[in-house]
Amino acid sequence: MDLRIVKDDIFIYDDVSDDTNLREDMYQAVYGQYIIDCGWYETEDGGNFITYLIKDNNWETPVIKIIIRTLHDAKWSIKACKTYLSEV
């Protein structure tokens, strides 16, 4: 089974000094019954990247939810979800 990338805006950024490019829908990939989703979510103290690994479209109970601050860590979290999927 192949990973199908639906949206890939996160890997084009090397620097997030201009946070006007950050948005909720930055990365999404589908692997069988799994979805990897990552985006930027504004908060009162600035914001966070959140990466979800969803199974069977169950967004209420993600398999994995990683909350991170930096773009570098967001990219790492996507790779971590891909590694997880290679093991299932």
Protein backbone atom coordinates (compact mmCIF):
# COMPACT_ATOMS: atom_id res chain seq x y z
CA MET A 1 0.00 0.00 0.00
CA ASP A 2 1.33 3.44 -0.91
CA LEU A 3 1.15 6.70 0.95
CA ARG A 4 -0.89 9.18 -1.11
CA ILE A 5 -0.10 12.81 -0.35
CA VAL A 6 -3.22 14.95 -0.63
CA LYS A 7 -1.69 18.29 0.42
CA ASP A 8 1.95 19.16 1.04
CA ASP A 9 2.48 22.82 1.89
CA ILE A 10 4.50 22.25 5.05
CA PHE A 11 7.65 20.89 3.46
CA ILE A 12 8.08 23.96 1.22
CA TYR A 13 8.83 26.20 4.20
CA ASP A 14 12.37 26.46 5.52
CA ASP A 15 11.68 29.41 7.78
CA VAL A 16 8.50 30.51 9.49
CA SER A 17 9.56 34.04 10.35
CA ASP A 18 6.59 35.12 8.24
CA ASP A 19 3.78 33.34 10.03
CA THR A 20 1.14 34.68 7.63
CA ASN A 21 1.76 31.52 5.57
CA LEU A 22 0.85 29.24 8.47
CA ARG A 23 -2.64 27.74 8.41
CA GLU A 24 -4.63 24.76 9.60
CA ASP A 25 -4.43 22.73 6.41
CA MET A 26 -0.73 22.38 5.62
CA TYR A 27 -0.18 18.64 5.16
CA GLN A 28 -2.37 15.61 4.66
CA ALA A 29 -1.59 12.10 3.44
CA VAL A 30 -3.67 8.94 3.21
CA TYR A 31 -2.36 5.44 3.79
CA GLY A 32 -5.15 2.87 3.54
CA GLN A 33 -7.48 3.53 6.46
CA TYR A 34 -5.07 6.08 8.02
CA ILE A 35 -4.77 9.84 7.57
CA ILE A 36 -1.77 11.93 8.61
CA ASP A 37 -2.80 15.55 9.07
CA CYS A 38 -0.66 18.50 10.19
CA GLY A 39 -1.38 22.19 10.48
CA TRP A 40 -0.93 25.39 12.45
CA TYR A 41 -3.52 26.27 15.09
CA GLU A 42 -3.60 29.74 16.64
CA THR A 43 -3.77 29.99 20.42
CA GLU A 44 -3.80 32.85 22.90
CA ASP A 45 -0.05 32.46 23.41
CA GLY A 46 0.81 32.32 19.70
CA GLY A 47 0.05 28.91 18.30
CA ASN A 48 1.13 25.34 17.77
CA PHE A 49 1.55 22.85 15.01
CA ILE A 50 -0.58 19.77 15.61
CA THR A 51 -0.04 16.48 13.81
CA TYR A 52 -2.73 13.83 13.91
CA LEU A 53 -2.70 10.20 12.86
CA ILE A 54 -6.30 9.21 12.28
CA LYS A 55 -7.64 5.70 11.71
CA ASP A 56 -10.99 4.92 10.06
CA ASN A 57 -11.83 8.64 9.87
CA ASN A 58 -12.22 8.78 13.68
CA TRP A 59 -11.09 12.36 14.35
CA GLU A 60 -12.50 12.25 17.89
CA THR A 61 -9.96 9.60 18.96
CA PRO A 62 -6.69 10.00 17.06
CA VAL A 63 -4.16 7.18 17.14
CA ILE A 64 -1.46 9.82 17.63
CA LYS A 65 -1.70 13.54 18.43
CA ILE A 66 1.53 15.53 18.60
CA ILE A 67 1.52 19.21 19.62
CA ILE A 68 4.71 21.08 18.76
CA ARG A 69 5.91 24.66 18.39
CA THR A 70 8.46 24.65 15.59
CA LEU A 71 8.29 23.89 11.90
CA HIS A 72 11.25 21.54 12.27
CA ASP A 73 9.39 19.53 14.90
CA ALA A 74 6.22 19.53 12.78
CA LYS A 75 8.17 17.94 9.93
CA TRP A 76 9.65 15.43 12.38
CA SER A 77 6.16 14.54 13.69
CA ILE A 78 4.95 13.75 10.17
CA LYS A 79 7.96 11.51 9.63
CA ALA A 80 7.27 9.83 13.00
CA CYS A 81 3.71 9.02 11.89
CA LYS A 82 5.04 7.58 8.63
CA THR A 83 7.47 5.43 10.62
CA TYR A 84 4.60 4.24 12.82
CA LEU A 85 2.60 3.27 9.73
CA SER A 86 5.52 1.30 8.32
CA GLU A 87 5.34 -0.86 11.45
CA VAL A 88 1.57 -1.61 11.39
